[in-house]
Amino acid sequence: MTRQTSFADLEYTHKKRLTRREVFLNEMEQTVPWAKLIALIEPAYPTSGRRGRQPMPLASMLRIHCMQNWFSFSDRQMEDALYEIESIRRFAGFGSVTEALPDETTILNFRHLLEKNQLTEKLLETINGYLKEQGLLVSQGTMVDATIIHAPSSTKNKDKSRDPDMHQTRKGQQWYFGMKIHIGADVNSGAVHTVTTTAANVADINELPKLLRTDDRVIFADAGYTSDEYRRGARHLGIHWCVNDKRKPGKNLSASQKKRNRKQPSIRARVEHVFRVIKQPIWLSKDSLSWSGEKCITGQLAGWPSKSLHAQAAADGCLRAKCVCRFPKTTD
């Protein structure tokens, strides 16, 4: 990422103050193990020197991918930010808007490259391992939770069928169709260390063993993870079981159980912050939708601009987009 310093660089570095975005990016520059992540992706990334259009620098594309997740940018918004926001452009390794900046299709293709080669899980493992080495991530406990991601249940699509990876489920008096994301986050830092996905009808408790680490000493979870069998197993292993108690049929919670249920969520509530990022709608412009002649952004948690477009997406075979409604109900 080194390049020759220009007069614009000198003027930028001698500003009177830094914005919050610039402070955050400076911290990420020092915290993220960029060299290790680049070495992990490099074998699957196209090499330069071939005939035709040359690929963008891997280091720049990785930084753009990270910023897209940090700031919840869609592909089009990320492209616009590279042109409009100087701090983002410089963090990606570009000096000015006159340079060849990646467009939204290039950004989309890079994300698909990571998904195709199953590199996202490896990147998460590498980052968590690096944080442990630096003492920034201490494995003392895990907070677990799950949330439902809605999807269109209509069969008015090319295959005349619903997505086989999804299922319907009932929460309270409401029925939902889609998938469920299960996460395990570190108690001290709040950093996510494990992510799994299932159909919406899979019980939260079934994924609990997959979300824990071997050296965890405490578990925080809501009442959906209540289990006498798991609680006895945790005590046998010396793990502190901090899971909210659930009222049994015909029997109310005791005063001590109510007190514990009010105390534990103050710690566990931090795991809910992850879902805010996951469920934040990503607005799609008209020329990003499949029925306007452009490629549809599939595999993303995207929000359609209106119900009519949402129905049209299902009719055009976009069930696998895992899309949510414009104003999704939070069903954590």
Protein backbone atom coordinates (compact mmCIF):
# COMPACT_ATOMS: atom_id res chain seq x y z
CA MET A 1 0.00 0.00 0.00
CA THR A 2 3.03 2.34 -0.20
CA ARG A 3 3.16 5.02 -2.89
CA GLN A 4 4.86 8.34 -3.56
CA THR A 5 3.68 11.19 -1.36
CA SER A 6 1.98 14.04 -3.21
CA PHE A 7 1.16 17.63 -2.23
CA ALA A 8 -2.46 16.53 -1.71
CA ASP A 9 -1.24 13.91 0.78
CA LEU A 10 0.71 16.50 2.75
CA GLU A 11 -2.28 18.83 2.86
CA TYR A 12 -4.55 15.99 3.98
CA THR A 13 -2.25 14.78 6.78
CA HIS A 14 -1.93 18.30 8.24
CA LYS A 15 -5.65 18.87 8.79
CA LYS A 16 -6.67 20.51 12.06
CA ARG A 17 -8.74 17.54 13.23
CA LEU A 18 -9.69 13.99 12.31
CA THR A 19 -13.26 12.83 11.84
CA ARG A 20 -14.61 9.84 13.75
CA ARG A 21 -14.47 7.78 10.57
CA GLU A 22 -10.79 8.63 10.11
CA VAL A 23 -10.00 7.74 13.74
CA PHE A 24 -11.78 4.40 13.31
CA LEU A 25 -9.94 3.62 10.06
CA ASN A 26 -6.61 4.48 11.66
CA GLU A 27 -7.36 2.02 14.46
CA MET A 28 -8.31 -0.69 11.97
CA GLU A 29 -5.09 -0.03 10.05
CA GLN A 30 -3.14 -0.97 13.16
CA THR A 31 -5.42 -3.74 14.47
CA VAL A 32 -6.32 -5.89 11.45
CA PRO A 33 -3.62 -8.39 10.36
CA TRP A 34 -3.70 -7.35 6.70
CA ALA A 35 -0.67 -9.40 5.64
CA LYS A 36 -2.16 -12.64 7.00
CA LEU A 37 -5.54 -12.01 5.36
CA ILE A 38 -3.95 -11.19 1.99
CA ALA A 39 -1.84 -14.37 2.12
CA LEU A 40 -5.03 -16.34 2.78
CA ILE A 41 -6.90 -14.94 -0.24
CA GLU A 42 -3.97 -14.67 -2.65
CA PRO A 43 -4.03 -18.30 -3.96
CA ALA A 44 -7.64 -17.85 -5.15
CA TYR A 45 -7.27 -14.29 -6.48
CA PRO A 46 -6.58 -13.65 -10.20
CA THR A 47 -2.99 -12.74 -10.98
CA SER A 48 -1.97 -9.67 -12.94
CA GLY A 49 -0.04 -9.80 -16.19
CA ARG A 50 -2.60 -11.85 -18.06
CA ARG A 51 -4.26 -10.69 -21.27
CA GLY A 52 -7.28 -8.44 -21.01
CA ARG A 53 -8.44 -6.33 -18.10
CA GLN A 54 -6.06 -6.47 -15.15
CA PRO A 55 -7.46 -7.25 -11.67
CA MET A 56 -7.56 -4.61 -8.97
CA PRO A 57 -4.88 -4.85 -6.26
CA LEU A 58 -5.87 -7.52 -3.74
CA ALA A 59 -4.98 -5.31 -0.77
CA SER A 60 -7.35 -2.59 -2.01
CA MET A 61 -10.22 -5.02 -2.65
CA LEU A 62 -9.84 -6.56 0.81
CA ARG A 63 -9.95 -3.15 2.47
CA ILE A 64 -12.99 -2.18 0.41
CA HIS A 65 -14.72 -5.41 1.43
CA CYS A 66 -14.01 -4.69 5.10
CA MET A 67 -15.28 -1.11 4.87
CA GLN A 68 -18.42 -2.33 3.13
CA ASN A 69 -19.16 -4.48 6.17
CA TRP A 70 -18.11 -1.90 8.75
CA PHE A 71 -20.27 0.89 7.31
CA SER A 72 -23.12 -1.28 5.89
CA PHE A 73 -22.63 -0.07 2.31
CA SER A 74 -24.27 -1.74 -0.67
CA ASP A 75 -22.11 -2.29 -3.76
CA ARG A 76 -23.33 0.93 -5.37
CA GLN A 77 -22.93 2.89 -2.14
CA MET A 78 -19.39 1.56 -1.73
CA GLU A 79 -18.48 2.69 -5.24
CA ASP A 80 -19.96 6.14 -4.57
CA ALA A 81 -18.08 6.40 -1.26
CA LEU A 82 -14.77 5.78 -3.02
CA TYR A 83 -15.47 8.81 -5.20
CA GLU A 84 -17.01 11.05 -2.53
CA ILE A 85 -15.19 10.32 0.77
CA GLU A 86 -11.47 10.95 0.77
CA SER A 87 -10.73 9.02 3.97
CA ILE A 88 -12.32 5.87 2.56
CA ARG A 89 -10.53 6.26 -0.77
CA ARG A 90 -7.15 6.71 0.93
CA PHE A 91 -7.73 3.76 3.27
CA ALA A 92 -8.34 1.59 0.19
CA GLY A 93 -4.99 2.74 -1.23
CA PHE A 94 -6.14 5.20 -3.90
CA GLY A 95 -4.73 8.72 -3.98
CA SER A 96 -7.35 10.59 -6.00
CA VAL A 97 -10.57 10.19 -7.96
CA THR A 98 -8.58 10.29 -11.21
CA GLU A 99 -7.23 6.80 -10.52
CA ALA A 100 -9.03 3.69 -11.77
CA LEU A 101 -11.43 2.92 -8.93
CA PRO A 102 -13.35 -0.39 -8.74
CA ASP A 103 -17.00 -0.24 -9.75
CA GLU A 104 -19.91 -1.99 -8.05
CA THR A 105 -19.60 -5.09 -10.27
CA THR A 106 -15.95 -5.55 -9.29
CA ILE A 107 -16.88 -5.20 -5.62
CA LEU A 108 -19.66 -7.75 -6.05
CA ASN A 109 -17.37 -10.21 -7.84
CA PHE A 110 -14.80 -10.02 -5.05
CA ARG A 111 -17.44 -10.92 -2.46
CA HIS A 112 -18.58 -13.82 -4.64
CA LEU A 113 -14.95 -14.95 -4.89
CA LEU A 114 -14.72 -15.16 -1.10
CA GLU A 115 -18.00 -17.05 -0.91
CA LYS A 116 -17.13 -19.47 -3.70
CA ASN A 117 -13.81 -20.41 -2.08
CA GLN A 118 -15.30 -20.46 1.44
CA LEU A 119 -12.81 -17.87 2.63
CA THR A 120 -15.12 -15.84 4.88
CA GLU A 121 -14.95 -18.43 7.68
CA LYS A 122 -11.17 -18.68 7.33
CA LEU A 123 -10.83 -14.90 7.49
CA LEU A 124 -12.86 -14.83 10.72
CA GLU A 125 -10.72 -17.59 12.24
CA THR A 126 -7.51 -15.78 11.26
CA ILE A 127 -8.64 -12.50 12.79
CA ASN A 128 -9.79 -14.14 16.03
CA GLY A 129 -6.53 -16.07 16.27
CA TYR A 130 -4.53 -12.87 15.80
CA LEU A 131 -6.58 -11.04 18.46
CA LYS A 132 -5.92 -13.88 20.91
CA GLU A 133 -2.19 -13.70 20.23
CA GLN A 134 -2.23 -9.97 20.94
CA GLY A 135 -4.28 -10.43 24.13
CA LEU A 136 -7.20 -8.46 22.68
CA LEU A 137 -9.60 -11.42 22.71
CA VAL A 138 -9.72 -13.42 25.93
CA SER A 139 -11.66 -16.69 25.72
CA GLN A 140 -13.48 -16.65 29.05
CA GLY A 141 -17.09 -16.81 27.97
CA THR A 142 -19.56 -16.78 25.11
CA MET A 143 -22.85 -15.03 24.48
CA VAL A 144 -25.16 -16.88 22.08
CA ASP A 145 -28.29 -15.78 20.26
CA ALA A 146 -30.20 -16.30 17.02
CA THR A 147 -32.43 -14.28 14.72
CA ILE A 148 -34.76 -15.05 11.81
CA ILE A 149 -34.04 -13.60 8.38
CA HIS A 150 -37.26 -13.29 6.39
CA ALA A 151 -37.57 -14.36 2.77
CA PRO A 152 -40.45 -14.39 0.26
CA SER A 153 -42.52 -17.56 0.64
CA SER A 154 -44.17 -17.28 -2.76
CA THR A 155 -43.69 -20.02 -5.38
CA LYS A 156 -44.18 -17.56 -8.26
CA ASN A 157 -40.65 -17.93 -9.55
CA LYS A 158 -38.75 -19.75 -12.27
CA ASP A 159 -38.53 -23.05 -10.37
CA LYS A 160 -42.13 -22.86 -9.06
CA SER A 161 -40.90 -23.80 -5.60
CA ARG A 162 -39.65 -22.34 -2.35
CA ASP A 163 -35.99 -22.26 -1.46
CA PRO A 164 -35.13 -25.74 -0.09
CA ASP A 165 -32.72 -24.23 2.46
CA MET A 166 -35.55 -22.30 4.12
CA HIS A 167 -38.57 -23.26 6.18
CA GLN A 168 -41.50 -21.70 7.99
CA THR A 169 -41.75 -21.41 11.76
CA ARG A 170 -43.98 -19.80 14.34
CA LYS A 171 -42.79 -17.35 16.97
CA GLY A 172 -45.55 -16.43 19.37
CA GLN A 173 -48.68 -16.01 17.26
CA GLN A 174 -46.80 -15.01 14.11
CA TRP A 175 -45.58 -17.25 11.29
CA TYR A 176 -42.28 -16.56 9.50
CA PHE A 177 -40.52 -18.07 6.49
CA GLY A 178 -36.78 -17.92 5.93
CA MET A 179 -33.50 -18.84 7.59
CA LYS A 180 -32.01 -18.40 11.03
CA ILE A 181 -28.57 -17.04 11.90
CA HIS A 182 -26.92 -18.34 15.10
CA ILE A 183 -23.93 -16.47 16.51
CA GLY A 184 -21.51 -16.89 19.38
CA ALA A 185 -19.78 -13.74 20.62
CA ASP A 186 -17.00 -13.18 23.13
CA VAL A 187 -18.28 -11.90 26.49
CA ASN A 188 -15.44 -9.43 27.04
CA SER A 189 -15.04 -7.85 23.61
CA GLY A 190 -18.39 -8.63 21.97
CA ALA A 191 -16.53 -9.89 18.89
CA VAL A 192 -18.27 -12.67 16.99
CA HIS A 193 -16.19 -15.86 16.91
CA THR A 194 -18.68 -18.38 15.47
CA VAL A 195 -21.55 -18.13 12.97
CA THR A 196 -23.89 -20.88 11.74
CA THR A 197 -27.02 -20.79 9.58
CA THR A 198 -30.02 -23.12 9.57
CA ALA A 199 -33.61 -23.19 8.39
CA ALA A 200 -35.94 -21.02 10.46
CA ASN A 201 -37.66 -24.00 12.13
CA VAL A 202 -34.47 -25.31 13.79
CA ALA A 203 -34.54 -24.78 17.56
CA ASP A 204 -31.92 -22.40 18.97
CA ILE A 205 -30.77 -24.94 21.56
CA ASN A 206 -29.77 -27.42 18.82
CA GLU A 207 -26.98 -25.11 17.62
CA LEU A 208 -25.61 -24.28 21.09
CA PRO A 209 -22.73 -26.84 21.06
CA LYS A 210 -21.50 -25.49 17.72
CA LEU A 211 -21.32 -21.90 19.05
CA LEU A 212 -19.13 -22.60 22.08
CA ARG A 213 -15.35 -22.74 22.39
CA THR A 214 -13.43 -25.45 24.22
CA ASP A 215 -12.01 -23.02 26.78
CA ASP A 216 -15.24 -21.11 27.59
CA ARG A 217 -15.92 -20.72 31.30
CA VAL A 218 -19.31 -18.99 31.16
CA ILE A 219 -22.35 -19.05 28.82
CA PHE A 220 -24.88 -16.22 28.46
CA ALA A 221 -28.15 -16.80 26.58
CA ASP A 222 -31.86 -15.98 26.64
CA ALA A 223 -34.68 -18.29 27.73
CA GLY A 224 -34.75 -19.94 24.30
CA TYR A 225 -31.65 -21.93 25.35
CA THR A 226 -33.12 -23.21 28.63
CA SER A 227 -32.29 -26.89 29.08
CA ASP A 228 -31.90 -28.91 32.28
CA GLU A 229 -29.70 -31.41 30.43
CA TYR A 230 -27.31 -28.76 29.12
CA ARG A 231 -27.26 -27.02 32.50
CA ARG A 232 -26.21 -30.22 34.27
CA GLY A 233 -23.59 -30.83 31.59
CA ALA A 234 -22.21 -27.31 31.99
CA ARG A 235 -21.90 -27.69 35.74
CA HIS A 236 -20.12 -31.01 35.26
CA LEU A 237 -17.58 -29.29 32.99
CA GLY A 238 -17.14 -26.37 35.38
CA ILE A 239 -18.89 -23.87 33.10
CA HIS A 240 -21.00 -21.13 34.70
CA TRP A 241 -24.52 -21.44 33.22
CA CYS A 242 -25.95 -17.88 32.83
CA VAL A 243 -29.04 -18.69 30.79
CA ASN A 244 -32.36 -17.03 31.60
CA ASP A 245 -34.92 -19.27 33.30
CA LYS A 246 -38.19 -20.02 31.52
CA ARG A 247 -41.51 -20.32 33.29
CA LYS A 248 -42.78 -23.89 33.26
CA PRO A 249 -46.47 -24.66 32.61
CA GLY A 250 -48.51 -24.09 35.76
CA LYS A 251 -45.52 -22.82 37.75
CA ASN A 252 -44.27 -19.24 38.12
CA LEU A 253 -40.65 -18.17 38.44
CA SER A 254 -39.29 -17.73 41.94
CA ALA A 255 -38.06 -14.37 43.24
CA SER A 256 -34.42 -15.42 42.83
CA GLN A 257 -35.05 -16.55 39.23
CA LYS A 258 -36.70 -13.24 38.37
CA LYS A 259 -33.79 -11.35 39.90
CA ARG A 260 -31.27 -13.40 37.90
CA ASN A 261 -33.27 -12.91 34.70
CA ARG A 262 -33.14 -9.13 35.20
CA LYS A 263 -29.40 -9.10 35.90
CA GLN A 264 -28.01 -11.32 33.14
CA PRO A 265 -29.46 -9.45 30.11
CA SER A 266 -27.34 -6.39 30.98
CA ILE A 267 -24.33 -8.42 29.83
CA ARG A 268 -25.99 -10.52 27.13
CA ALA A 269 -27.60 -7.48 25.42
CA ARG A 270 -24.36 -6.74 23.55
CA VAL A 271 -24.89 -9.77 21.33
CA GLU A 272 -28.01 -8.06 19.95
CA HIS A 273 -25.87 -5.32 18.39
CA VAL A 274 -24.64 -7.76 15.75
CA PHE A 275 -28.17 -8.29 14.46
CA ARG A 276 -28.65 -4.57 13.93
CA VAL A 277 -25.86 -4.67 11.36
CA ILE A 278 -27.13 -7.89 9.77
CA LYS A 279 -30.73 -6.70 9.44
CA GLN A 280 -30.02 -3.13 8.39
CA PRO A 281 -31.69 -2.75 4.98
CA ILE A 282 -29.43 -2.15 1.99
CA TRP A 283 -31.28 0.01 -0.49
CA LEU A 284 -31.04 -1.11 -4.10
CA SER A 285 -31.14 1.34 -6.95
CA LYS A 286 -33.41 0.68 -9.92
CA ASP A 287 -30.60 -0.47 -12.20
CA SER A 288 -29.39 -2.98 -9.59
CA LEU A 289 -32.55 -5.12 -9.84
CA SER A 290 -32.85 -8.18 -12.02
CA TRP A 291 -35.98 -7.07 -13.90
CA SER A 292 -34.33 -3.90 -15.17
CA GLY A 293 -31.78 -5.85 -17.20
CA GLU A 294 -28.96 -5.77 -14.63
CA LYS A 295 -27.61 -8.52 -12.40
CA CYS A 296 -29.55 -9.11 -9.20
CA ILE A 297 -27.52 -8.88 -6.00
CA THR A 298 -28.06 -12.37 -4.61
CA GLY A 299 -26.89 -13.88 -1.37
CA GLN A 300 -27.21 -10.56 0.46
CA LEU A 301 -29.50 -9.41 3.22
CA ALA A 302 -31.05 -6.69 1.10
CA GLY A 303 -34.20 -4.61 1.53
CA TRP A 304 -36.40 -4.03 -1.50
CA PRO A 305 -37.65 -0.46 -2.09
CA SER A 306 -41.35 -1.40 -1.96
CA LYS A 307 -43.78 -4.29 -1.64
CA SER A 308 -44.49 -4.26 -5.37
CA LEU A 309 -40.79 -4.66 -6.18
CA HIS A 310 -40.51 -7.30 -3.47
CA ALA A 311 -43.26 -9.33 -5.15
CA GLN A 312 -41.66 -8.77 -8.56
CA ALA A 313 -38.35 -10.08 -7.22
CA ALA A 314 -40.02 -13.34 -6.21
CA ALA A 315 -41.74 -13.58 -9.59
CA ASP A 316 -38.40 -13.13 -11.36
CA GLY A 317 -36.77 -16.04 -9.52
CA CYS A 318 -34.92 -14.08 -6.85
CA LEU A 319 -35.87 -16.34 -3.95
CA ARG A 320 -32.23 -17.16 -3.19
CA ALA A 321 -31.47 -13.49 -2.54
CA LYS A 322 -32.37 -14.09 1.13
CA CYS A 323 -34.02 -10.68 1.01
CA VAL A 324 -36.04 -9.09 3.78
CA CYS A 325 -38.90 -6.62 3.65
CA ARG A 326 -38.31 -2.89 3.63
CA PHE A 327 -39.19 -2.61 7.31
CA PRO A 328 -38.32 -6.07 8.67
CA LYS A 329 -39.72 -7.13 12.02
CA THR A 330 -36.98 -7.99 14.46
CA THR A 331 -37.55 -11.53 15.72
CA ASP A 332 -34.48 -12.06 17.85
